[in-house]
Amino acid sequence: MPELFNVVALLLAVTAVFAWLNYQLFRLPTTVGLLLMGLVASLALLGLERAFPNVQLFQELLEGVRDIDLQSAVLNGMLGYLLFAGALNIELSKLHERKWT
């Protein structure tokens, strides 16, 4: 059973490869290209599972998803992400101008 960290690392690596392929070959807007390639990859995996019914591609993935504490993952993960994204949008010059108000 793969660890959650390994699954996240694998998904990030696949996303980076898809983004690079989009940049080199398709030249679509990034969000559209990644969405399209993710859709094609998902359909390809589903097609493989239908073509070879004895191979269980998603069985381990389903067991791993069932083991995740979704409330904790969403609250902690999304809160951290939103705080990080908010920190990226701070304009330090405006913050410096208003430091005494």
PDB file of N, CA and C in Angstrom:
ATOM      1  N   MET A   1       0.843  -1.184   0.000  1.00  0.00           N
ATOM      2  CA  MET A   1       0.000   0.000   0.000  1.00  0.00           C
ATOM      3  C   MET A   1       0.888   1.246   0.000  1.00  0.00           C
ATOM      4  N   PRO A   2       0.786   2.075  -1.017  1.00  0.00           N
ATOM      5  CA  PRO A   2       1.628   3.275  -1.055  1.00  0.00           C
ATOM      6  C   PRO A   2       1.206   4.285   0.006  1.00  0.00           C
ATOM      7  N   GLU A   3       2.198   4.961   0.539  1.00  0.00           N
ATOM      8  CA  GLU A   3       1.947   6.000   1.528  1.00  0.00           C
ATOM      9  C   GLU A   3       1.289   7.200   0.857  1.00  0.00           C
ATOM     10  N   LEU A   4       0.595   8.005   1.633  1.00  0.00           N
ATOM     11  CA  LEU A   4      -0.072   9.193   1.104  1.00  0.00           C
ATOM     12  C   LEU A   4       0.943  10.157   0.493  1.00  0.00           C
ATOM     13  N   PHE A   5       2.094  10.299   1.145  1.00  0.00           N
ATOM     14  CA  PHE A   5       3.131  11.190   0.633  1.00  0.00           C
ATOM     15  C   PHE A   5       3.606  10.738  -0.747  1.00  0.00           C
ATOM     16  N   ASN A   6       3.772   9.431  -0.932  1.00  0.00           N
ATOM     17  CA  ASN A   6       4.210   8.906  -2.222  1.00  0.00           C
ATOM     18  C   ASN A   6       3.169   9.140  -3.299  1.00  0.00           C
ATOM     19  N   VAL A   7       1.907   8.995  -2.960  1.00  0.00           N
ATOM     20  CA  VAL A   7       0.833   9.232  -3.924  1.00  0.00           C
ATOM     21  C   VAL A   7       0.802  10.704  -4.338  1.00  0.00           C
ATOM     22  N   VAL A   8       0.930  11.598  -3.368  1.00  0.00           N
ATOM     23  CA  VAL A   8       0.941  13.031  -3.673  1.00  0.00           C
ATOM     24  C   VAL A   8       2.150  13.379  -4.535  1.00  0.00           C
ATOM     25  N   ALA A   9       3.316  12.820  -4.212  1.00  0.00           N
ATOM     26  CA  ALA A   9       4.521  13.073  -5.000  1.00  0.00           C
ATOM     27  C   ALA A   9       4.350  12.564  -6.425  1.00  0.00           C
ATOM     28  N   LEU A  10       3.747  11.401  -6.573  1.00  0.00           N
ATOM     29  CA  LEU A  10       3.506  10.858  -7.908  1.00  0.00           C
ATOM     30  C   LEU A  10       2.548  11.740  -8.704  1.00  0.00           C
ATOM     31  N   LEU A  11       1.480  12.210  -8.058  1.00  0.00           N
ATOM     32  CA  LEU A  11       0.532  13.089  -8.738  1.00  0.00           C
ATOM     33  C   LEU A  11       1.172  14.408  -9.148  1.00  0.00           C
ATOM     34  N   LEU A  12       2.019  14.961  -8.309  1.00  0.00           N
ATOM     35  CA  LEU A  12       2.725  16.190  -8.665  1.00  0.00           C
ATOM     36  C   LEU A  12       3.676  15.971  -9.831  1.00  0.00           C
ATOM     37  N   ALA A  13       4.362  14.836  -9.838  1.00  0.00           N
ATOM     38  CA  ALA A  13       5.273  14.534 -10.946  1.00  0.00           C
ATOM     39  C   ALA A  13       4.504  14.354 -12.247  1.00  0.00           C
ATOM     40  N   VAL A  14       3.379  13.662 -12.203  1.00  0.00           N
ATOM     41  CA  VAL A  14       2.566  13.470 -13.405  1.00  0.00           C
ATOM     42  C   VAL A  14       2.029  14.815 -13.900  1.00  0.00           C
ATOM     43  N   THR A  15       1.621  15.679 -12.985  1.00  0.00           N
ATOM     44  CA  THR A  15       1.148  17.008 -13.365  1.00  0.00           C
ATOM     45  C   THR A  15       2.255  17.813 -14.026  1.00  0.00           C
ATOM     46  N   ALA A  16       3.467  17.723 -13.497  1.00  0.00           N
ATOM     47  CA  ALA A  16       4.593  18.446 -14.096  1.00  0.00           C
ATOM     48  C   ALA A  16       4.893  17.925 -15.497  1.00  0.00           C
ATOM     49  N   VAL A  17       4.828  16.618 -15.676  1.00  0.00           N
ATOM     50  CA  VAL A  17       5.050  16.045 -17.016  1.00  0.00           C
ATOM     51  C   VAL A  17       3.958  16.492 -17.972  1.00  0.00           C
ATOM     52  N   PHE A  18       2.716  16.470 -17.517  1.00  0.00           N
ATOM     53  CA  PHE A  18       1.613  16.929 -18.371  1.00  0.00           C
ATOM     54  C   PHE A  18       1.773  18.403 -18.729  1.00  0.00           C
ATOM     55  N   ALA A  19       2.187  19.223 -17.780  1.00  0.00           N
ATOM     56  CA  ALA A  19       2.378  20.648 -18.057  1.00  0.00           C
ATOM     57  C   ALA A  19       3.497  20.856 -19.066  1.00  0.00           C
ATOM     58  N   TRP A  20       4.570  20.093 -18.938  1.00  0.00           N
ATOM     59  CA  TRP A  20       5.669  20.206 -19.890  1.00  0.00           C
ATOM     60  C   TRP A  20       5.239  19.768 -21.281  1.00  0.00           C
ATOM     61  N   LEU A  21       4.498  18.651 -21.358  1.00  0.00           N
ATOM     62  CA  LEU A  21       3.987  18.200 -22.657  1.00  0.00           C
ATOM     63  C   LEU A  21       3.063  19.237 -23.280  1.00  0.00           C
ATOM     64  N   ASN A  22       2.224  19.846 -22.480  1.00  0.00           N
ATOM     65  CA  ASN A  22       1.333  20.883 -22.978  1.00  0.00           C
ATOM     66  C   ASN A  22       2.135  22.062 -23.515  1.00  0.00           C
ATOM     67  N   TYR A  23       3.164  22.454 -22.782  1.00  0.00           N
ATOM     68  CA  TYR A  23       3.987  23.592 -23.203  1.00  0.00           C
ATOM     69  C   TYR A  23       4.743  23.285 -24.494  1.00  0.00           C
ATOM     70  N   GLN A  24       5.257  22.067 -24.618  1.00  0.00           N
ATOM     71  CA  GLN A  24       6.064  21.713 -25.783  1.00  0.00           C
ATOM     72  C   GLN A  24       5.231  21.364 -27.017  1.00  0.00           C
ATOM     73  N   LEU A  25       4.119  20.665 -26.834  1.00  0.00           N
ATOM     74  CA  LEU A  25       3.389  20.125 -27.976  1.00  0.00           C
ATOM     75  C   LEU A  25       2.103  20.881 -28.309  1.00  0.00           C
ATOM     76  N   PHE A  26       1.257  21.083 -27.330  1.00  0.00           N
ATOM     77  CA  PHE A  26      -0.093  21.551 -27.619  1.00  0.00           C
ATOM     78  C   PHE A  26      -0.256  23.062 -27.542  1.00  0.00           C
ATOM     79  N   ARG A  27       0.483  23.705 -26.663  1.00  0.00           N
ATOM     80  CA  ARG A  27       0.442  25.159 -26.472  1.00  0.00           C
ATOM     81  C   ARG A  27      -0.960  25.675 -26.143  1.00  0.00           C
ATOM     82  N   LEU A  28      -1.700  24.884 -25.390  1.00  0.00           N
ATOM     83  CA  LEU A  28      -3.006  25.313 -24.897  1.00  0.00           C
ATOM     84  C   LEU A  28      -2.798  26.138 -23.634  1.00  0.00           C
ATOM     85  N   PRO A  29      -3.794  26.912 -23.208  1.00  0.00           N
ATOM     86  CA  PRO A  29      -3.678  27.539 -21.882  1.00  0.00           C
ATOM     87  C   PRO A  29      -3.437  26.444 -20.831  1.00  0.00           C
ATOM     88  N   THR A  30      -2.673  26.773 -19.829  1.00  0.00           N
ATOM     89  CA  THR A  30      -2.212  25.759 -18.875  1.00  0.00           C
ATOM     90  C   THR A  30      -3.358  24.983 -18.239  1.00  0.00           C
ATOM     91  N   THR A  31      -4.376  25.680 -17.785  1.00  0.00           N
ATOM     92  CA  THR A  31      -5.478  24.988 -17.111  1.00  0.00           C
ATOM     93  C   THR A  31      -6.233  24.080 -18.074  1.00  0.00           C
ATOM     94  N   VAL A  32      -6.435  24.551 -19.288  1.00  0.00           N
ATOM     95  CA  VAL A  32      -7.153  23.743 -20.278  1.00  0.00           C
ATOM     96  C   VAL A  32      -6.323  22.529 -20.667  1.00  0.00           C
ATOM     97  N   GLY A  33      -5.031  22.721 -20.887  1.00  0.00           N
ATOM     98  CA  GLY A  33      -4.159  21.614 -21.264  1.00  0.00           C
ATOM     99  C   GLY A  33      -4.077  20.545 -20.196  1.00  0.00           C
ATOM    100  N   LEU A  34      -3.916  20.972 -18.932  1.00  0.00           N
ATOM    101  CA  LEU A  34      -3.834  19.993 -17.850  1.00  0.00           C
ATOM    102  C   LEU A  34      -5.154  19.265 -17.658  1.00  0.00           C
ATOM    103  N   LEU A  35      -6.249  19.986 -17.782  1.00  0.00           N
ATOM    104  CA  LEU A  35      -7.554  19.349 -17.655  1.00  0.00           C
ATOM    105  C   LEU A  35      -7.778  18.325 -18.757  1.00  0.00           C
ATOM    106  N   LEU A  36      -7.419  18.682 -19.970  1.00  0.00           N
ATOM    107  CA  LEU A  36      -7.596  17.778 -21.106  1.00  0.00           C
ATOM    108  C   LEU A  36      -6.732  16.534 -20.966  1.00  0.00           C
ATOM    109  N   MET A  37      -5.469  16.711 -20.606  1.00  0.00           N
ATOM    110  CA  MET A  37      -4.582  15.553 -20.464  1.00  0.00           C
ATOM    111  C   MET A  37      -4.981  14.690 -19.273  1.00  0.00           C
ATOM    112  N   GLY A  38      -5.463  15.296 -18.196  1.00  0.00           N
ATOM    113  CA  GLY A  38      -5.959  14.506 -17.073  1.00  0.00           C
ATOM    114  C   GLY A  38      -7.178  13.685 -17.461  1.00  0.00           C
ATOM    115  N   LEU A  39      -8.052  14.284 -18.256  1.00  0.00           N
ATOM    116  CA  LEU A  39      -9.233  13.562 -18.734  1.00  0.00           C
ATOM    117  C   LEU A  39      -8.835  12.397 -19.629  1.00  0.00           C
ATOM    118  N   VAL A  40      -7.904  12.628 -20.536  1.00  0.00           N
ATOM    119  CA  VAL A  40      -7.451  11.562 -21.438  1.00  0.00           C
ATOM    120  C   VAL A  40      -6.764  10.451 -20.653  1.00  0.00           C
ATOM    121  N   ALA A  41      -5.937  10.807 -19.683  1.00  0.00           N
ATOM    122  CA  ALA A  41      -5.259   9.790 -18.877  1.00  0.00           C
ATOM    123  C   ALA A  41      -6.267   8.970 -18.063  1.00  0.00           C
ATOM    124  N   SER A  42      -7.276   9.635 -17.513  1.00  0.00           N
ATOM    125  CA  SER A  42      -8.305   8.908 -16.749  1.00  0.00           C
ATOM    126  C   SER A  42      -9.085   7.954 -17.639  1.00  0.00           C
ATOM    127  N   LEU A  43      -9.461   8.430 -18.819  1.00  0.00           N
ATOM    128  CA  LEU A  43     -10.187   7.561 -19.750  1.00  0.00           C
ATOM    129  C   LEU A  43      -9.323   6.405 -20.224  1.00  0.00           C
ATOM    130  N   ALA A  44      -8.022   6.643 -20.396  1.00  0.00           N
ATOM    131  CA  ALA A  44      -7.121   5.558 -20.793  1.00  0.00           C
ATOM    132  C   ALA A  44      -7.027   4.502 -19.698  1.00  0.00           C
ATOM    133  N   LEU A  45      -6.950   4.931 -18.437  1.00  0.00           N
ATOM    134  CA  LEU A  45      -6.908   3.967 -17.334  1.00  0.00           C
ATOM    135  C   LEU A  45      -8.205   3.174 -17.229  1.00  0.00           C
ATOM    136  N   LEU A  46      -9.322   3.856 -17.412  1.00  0.00           N
ATOM    137  CA  LEU A  46     -10.602   3.138 -17.390  1.00  0.00           C
ATOM    138  C   LEU A  46     -10.705   2.157 -18.551  1.00  0.00           C
ATOM    139  N   GLY A  47     -10.210   2.549 -19.713  1.00  0.00           N
ATOM    140  CA  GLY A  47     -10.201   1.647 -20.871  1.00  0.00           C
ATOM    141  C   GLY A  47      -9.324   0.435 -20.628  1.00  0.00           C
ATOM    142  N   LEU A  48      -8.167   0.629 -19.988  1.00  0.00           N
ATOM    143  CA  LEU A  48      -7.305  -0.503 -19.658  1.00  0.00           C
ATOM    144  C   LEU A  48      -7.979  -1.458 -18.686  1.00  0.00           C
ATOM    145  N   GLU A  49      -8.701  -0.904 -17.730  1.00  0.00           N
ATOM    146  CA  GLU A  49      -9.393  -1.771 -16.772  1.00  0.00           C
ATOM    147  C   GLU A  49     -10.519  -2.556 -17.449  1.00  0.00           C
ATOM    148  N   ARG A  50     -11.182  -1.931 -18.407  1.00  0.00           N
ATOM    149  CA  ARG A  50     -12.242  -2.651 -19.145  1.00  0.00           C
ATOM    150  C   ARG A  50     -11.656  -3.693 -20.093  1.00  0.00           C
ATOM    151  N   ALA A  51     -10.508  -3.388 -20.707  1.00  0.00           N
ATOM    152  CA  ALA A  51      -9.895  -4.310 -21.656  1.00  0.00           C
ATOM    153  C   ALA A  51      -9.312  -5.534 -20.958  1.00  0.00           C
ATOM    154  N   PHE A  52      -8.763  -5.343 -19.777  1.00  0.00           N
ATOM    155  CA  PHE A  52      -8.171  -6.440 -19.014  1.00  0.00           C
ATOM    156  C   PHE A  52      -8.862  -6.543 -17.659  1.00  0.00           C
ATOM    157  N   PRO A  53      -9.976  -7.263 -17.587  1.00  0.00           N
ATOM    158  CA  PRO A  53     -10.763  -7.295 -16.348  1.00  0.00           C
ATOM    159  C   PRO A  53     -10.059  -7.996 -15.172  1.00  0.00           C
ATOM    160  N   ASN A  54      -9.094  -8.905 -15.441  1.00  0.00           N
ATOM    161  CA  ASN A  54      -8.424  -9.579 -14.325  1.00  0.00           C
ATOM    162  C   ASN A  54      -7.422  -8.676 -13.625  1.00  0.00           C
ATOM    163  N   VAL A  55      -7.003  -7.587 -14.244  1.00  0.00           N
ATOM    164  CA  VAL A  55      -6.050  -6.666 -13.624  1.00  0.00           C
ATOM    165  C   VAL A  55      -6.840  -5.605 -12.863  1.00  0.00           C
ATOM    166  N   GLN A  56      -6.630  -5.547 -11.566  1.00  0.00           N
ATOM    167  CA  GLN A  56      -7.323  -4.574 -10.727  1.00  0.00           C
ATOM    168  C   GLN A  56      -6.440  -3.344 -10.540  1.00  0.00           C
ATOM    169  N   LEU A  57      -6.605  -2.337 -11.373  1.00  0.00           N
ATOM    170  CA  LEU A  57      -5.784  -1.135 -11.300  1.00  0.00           C
ATOM    171  C   LEU A  57      -6.175  -0.244 -10.125  1.00  0.00           C
ATOM    172  N   PHE A  58      -7.444  -0.177  -9.826  1.00  0.00           N
ATOM    173  CA  PHE A  58      -7.931   0.798  -8.863  1.00  0.00           C
ATOM    174  C   PHE A  58      -8.216   0.228  -7.489  1.00  0.00           C
ATOM    175  N   GLN A  59      -8.023  -1.062  -7.289  1.00  0.00           N
ATOM    176  CA  GLN A  59      -8.369  -1.683  -6.010  1.00  0.00           C
ATOM    177  C   GLN A  59      -7.521  -1.104  -4.873  1.00  0.00           C
ATOM    178  N   GLU A  60      -6.204  -1.013  -5.064  1.00  0.00           N
ATOM    179  CA  GLU A  60      -5.339  -0.470  -4.017  1.00  0.00           C
ATOM    180  C   GLU A  60      -5.606   1.011  -3.808  1.00  0.00           C
ATOM    181  N   LEU A  61      -5.897   1.721  -4.881  1.00  0.00           N
ATOM    182  CA  LEU A  61      -6.185   3.151  -4.767  1.00  0.00           C
ATOM    183  C   LEU A  61      -7.456   3.387  -3.961  1.00  0.00           C
ATOM    184  N   LEU A  62      -8.484   2.590  -4.204  1.00  0.00           N
ATOM    185  CA  LEU A  62      -9.726   2.726  -3.442  1.00  0.00           C
ATOM    186  C   LEU A  62      -9.512   2.430  -1.964  1.00  0.00           C
ATOM    187  N   GLU A  63      -8.699   1.421  -1.661  1.00  0.00           N
ATOM    188  CA  GLU A  63      -8.412   1.107  -0.257  1.00  0.00           C
ATOM    189  C   GLU A  63      -7.646   2.254   0.393  1.00  0.00           C
ATOM    190  N   GLY A  64      -6.733   2.868  -0.350  1.00  0.00           N
ATOM    191  CA  GLY A  64      -5.973   3.993   0.181  1.00  0.00           C
ATOM    192  C   GLY A  64      -6.834   5.210   0.427  1.00  0.00           C
ATOM    193  N   VAL A  65      -7.777   5.473  -0.458  1.00  0.00           N
ATOM    194  CA  VAL A  65      -8.671   6.615  -0.297  1.00  0.00           C
ATOM    195  C   VAL A  65      -9.592   6.413   0.891  1.00  0.00           C
ATOM    196  N   ARG A  66     -10.016   5.183   1.107  1.00  0.00           N
ATOM    197  CA  ARG A  66     -10.883   4.905   2.260  1.00  0.00           C
ATOM    198  C   ARG A  66     -10.165   5.117   3.586  1.00  0.00           C
ATOM    199  N   ASP A  67      -8.838   4.962   3.602  1.00  0.00           N
ATOM    200  CA  ASP A  67      -8.074   5.118   4.838  1.00  0.00           C
ATOM    201  C   ASP A  67      -7.783   6.572   5.188  1.00  0.00           C
ATOM    202  N   ILE A  68      -8.001   7.510   4.271  1.00  0.00           N
ATOM    203  CA  ILE A  68      -7.671   8.914   4.508  1.00  0.00           C
ATOM    204  C   ILE A  68      -8.745   9.549   5.379  1.00  0.00           C
ATOM    205  N   ASP A  69      -8.313  10.275   6.399  1.00  0.00           N
ATOM    206  CA  ASP A  69      -9.229  11.056   7.230  1.00  0.00           C
ATOM    207  C   ASP A  69      -9.527  12.341   6.457  1.00  0.00           C
ATOM    208  N   LEU A  70     -10.631  12.362   5.732  1.00  0.00           N
ATOM    209  CA  LEU A  70     -10.930  13.442   4.803  1.00  0.00           C
ATOM    210  C   LEU A  70     -11.107  14.779   5.501  1.00  0.00           C
ATOM    211  N   GLN A  71     -11.750  14.793   6.648  1.00  0.00           N
ATOM    212  CA  GLN A  71     -11.975  16.051   7.350  1.00  0.00           C
ATOM    213  C   GLN A  71     -10.653  16.696   7.735  1.00  0.00           C
ATOM    214  N   SER A  72      -9.760  15.923   8.283  1.00  0.00           N
ATOM    215  CA  SER A  72      -8.458  16.449   8.676  1.00  0.00           C
ATOM    216  C   SER A  72      -7.644  16.877   7.458  1.00  0.00           C
ATOM    217  N   ALA A  73      -7.662  16.071   6.416  1.00  0.00           N
ATOM    218  CA  ALA A  73      -6.881  16.394   5.222  1.00  0.00           C
ATOM    219  C   ALA A  73      -7.375  17.671   4.558  1.00  0.00           C
ATOM    220  N   VAL A  74      -8.689  17.822   4.449  1.00  0.00           N
ATOM    221  CA  VAL A  74      -9.239  19.010   3.804  1.00  0.00           C
ATOM    222  C   VAL A  74      -9.003  20.247   4.654  1.00  0.00           C
ATOM    223  N   LEU A  75      -9.306  20.144   5.948  1.00  0.00           N
ATOM    224  CA  LEU A  75      -9.143  21.315   6.810  1.00  0.00           C
ATOM    225  C   LEU A  75      -7.686  21.758   6.896  1.00  0.00           C
ATOM    226  N   ASN A  76      -6.793  20.835   7.197  1.00  0.00           N
ATOM    227  CA  ASN A  76      -5.389  21.204   7.353  1.00  0.00           C
ATOM    228  C   ASN A  76      -4.741  21.543   6.013  1.00  0.00           C
ATOM    229  N   GLY A  77      -4.992  20.728   5.010  1.00  0.00           N
ATOM    230  CA  GLY A  77      -4.371  20.958   3.713  1.00  0.00           C
ATOM    231  C   GLY A  77      -4.867  22.219   3.042  1.00  0.00           C
ATOM    232  N   MET A  78      -6.166  22.407   2.988  1.00  0.00           N
ATOM    233  CA  MET A  78      -6.709  23.584   2.319  1.00  0.00           C
ATOM    234  C   MET A  78      -6.434  24.855   3.103  1.00  0.00           C
ATOM    235  N   LEU A  79      -6.464  24.782   4.406  1.00  0.00           N
ATOM    236  CA  LEU A  79      -6.158  25.965   5.198  1.00  0.00           C
ATOM    237  C   LEU A  79      -4.708  26.388   4.973  1.00  0.00           C
ATOM    238  N   GLY A  80      -3.810  25.445   4.971  1.00  0.00           N
ATOM    239  CA  GLY A  80      -2.413  25.756   4.695  1.00  0.00           C
ATOM    240  C   GLY A  80      -2.229  26.327   3.302  1.00  0.00           C
ATOM    241  N   TYR A  81      -2.915  25.739   2.328  1.00  0.00           N
ATOM    242  CA  TYR A  81      -2.813  26.231   0.955  1.00  0.00           C
ATOM    243  C   TYR A  81      -3.360  27.654   0.833  1.00  0.00           C
ATOM    244  N   LEU A  82      -4.496  27.911   1.433  1.00  0.00           N
ATOM    245  CA  LEU A  82      -5.080  29.250   1.338  1.00  0.00           C
ATOM    246  C   LEU A  82      -4.235  30.295   2.043  1.00  0.00           C
ATOM    247  N   LEU A  83      -3.663  29.946   3.189  1.00  0.00           N
ATOM    248  CA  LEU A  83      -2.774  30.882   3.875  1.00  0.00           C
ATOM    249  C   LEU A  83      -1.520  31.155   3.049  1.00  0.00           C
ATOM    250  N   PHE A  84      -0.979  30.123   2.415  1.00  0.00           N
ATOM    251  CA  PHE A  84       0.191  30.300   1.562  1.00  0.00           C
ATOM    252  C   PHE A  84      -0.146  31.159   0.354  1.00  0.00           C
ATOM    253  N   ALA A  85      -1.276  30.897  -0.295  1.00  0.00           N
ATOM    254  CA  ALA A  85      -1.679  31.682  -1.463  1.00  0.00           C
ATOM    255  C   ALA A  85      -1.967  33.124  -1.074  1.00  0.00           C
ATOM    256  N   GLY A  86      -2.553  33.325   0.088  1.00  0.00           N
ATOM    257  CA  GLY A  86      -2.804  34.687   0.547  1.00  0.00           C
ATOM    258  C   GLY A  86      -1.514  35.429   0.847  1.00  0.00           C
ATOM    259  N   ALA A  87      -0.524  34.725   1.378  1.00  0.00           N
ATOM    260  CA  ALA A  87       0.759  35.368   1.671  1.00  0.00           C
ATOM    261  C   ALA A  87       1.481  35.769   0.395  1.00  0.00           C
ATOM    262  N   LEU A  88       1.248  35.053  -0.682  1.00  0.00           N
ATOM    263  CA  LEU A  88       1.895  35.405  -1.945  1.00  0.00           C
ATOM    264  C   LEU A  88       1.337  36.697  -2.537  1.00  0.00           C
ATOM    265  N   ASN A  89       0.122  37.064  -2.173  1.00  0.00           N
ATOM    266  CA  ASN A  89      -0.524  38.234  -2.761  1.00  0.00           C
ATOM    267  C   ASN A  89      -0.376  39.498  -1.928  1.00  0.00           C
ATOM    268  N   ILE A  90       0.448  39.465  -0.912  1.00  0.00           N
ATOM    269  CA  ILE A  90       0.653  40.647  -0.074  1.00  0.00           C
ATOM    270  C   ILE A  90       1.608  41.595  -0.781  1.00  0.00           C
ATOM    271  N   GLU A  91       1.216  42.853  -0.888  1.00  0.00           N
ATOM    272  CA  GLU A  91       2.107  43.872  -1.435  1.00  0.00           C
ATOM    273  C   GLU A  91       2.804  44.549  -0.260  1.00  0.00           C
ATOM    274  N   LEU A  92       4.084  44.284  -0.123  1.00  0.00           N
ATOM    275  CA  LEU A  92       4.825  44.772   1.034  1.00  0.00           C
ATOM    276  C   LEU A  92       4.926  46.288   1.060  1.00  0.00           C
ATOM    277  N   SER A  93       4.946  46.938  -0.108  1.00  0.00           N
ATOM    278  CA  SER A  93       5.046  48.403  -0.122  1.00  0.00           C
ATOM    279  C   SER A  93       3.787  49.030   0.486  1.00  0.00           C
ATOM    280  N   LYS A  94       2.615  48.506   0.151  1.00  0.00           N
ATOM    281  CA  LYS A  94       1.375  49.034   0.735  1.00  0.00           C
ATOM    282  C   LYS A  94       1.296  48.710   2.222  1.00  0.00           C
ATOM    283  N   LEU A  95       1.781  47.557   2.590  1.00  0.00           N
ATOM    284  CA  LEU A  95       1.787  47.193   3.998  1.00  0.00           C
ATOM    285  C   LEU A  95       2.734  48.107   4.779  1.00  0.00           C
ATOM    286  N   HIS A  96       3.855  48.457   4.188  1.00  0.00           N
ATOM    287  CA  HIS A  96       4.818  49.353   4.829  1.00  0.00           C
ATOM    288  C   HIS A  96       4.255  50.770   4.976  1.00  0.00           C
ATOM    289  N   GLU A  97       3.471  51.222   3.992  1.00  0.00           N
ATOM    290  CA  GLU A  97       2.859  52.551   4.060  1.00  0.00           C
ATOM    291  C   GLU A  97       1.854  52.657   5.203  1.00  0.00           C
ATOM    292  N   ARG A  98       1.179  51.569   5.506  1.00  0.00           N
ATOM    293  CA  ARG A  98       0.114  51.601   6.515  1.00  0.00           C
ATOM    294  C   ARG A  98       0.542  51.017   7.845  1.00  0.00           C
ATOM    295  N   LYS A  99       1.823  50.929   8.104  1.00  0.00           N
ATOM    296  CA  LYS A  99       2.281  50.242   9.311  1.00  0.00           C
ATOM    297  C   LYS A  99       1.874  50.956  10.585  1.00  0.00           C
ATOM    298  N   TRP A 100       1.663  52.266  10.570  1.00  0.00           N
ATOM    299  CA  TRP A 100       1.311  52.992  11.784  1.00  0.00           C
ATOM    300  C   TRP A 100      -0.194  53.215  11.926  1.00  0.00           C
ATOM    301  N   THR A 101      -0.990  52.832  10.956  1.00  0.00           N
ATOM    302  CA  THR A 101      -2.435  53.057  11.069  1.00  0.00           C
ATOM    303  C   THR A 101      -3.134  51.922  11.757  1.00  0.00           C
TER     304      THR A 101
END
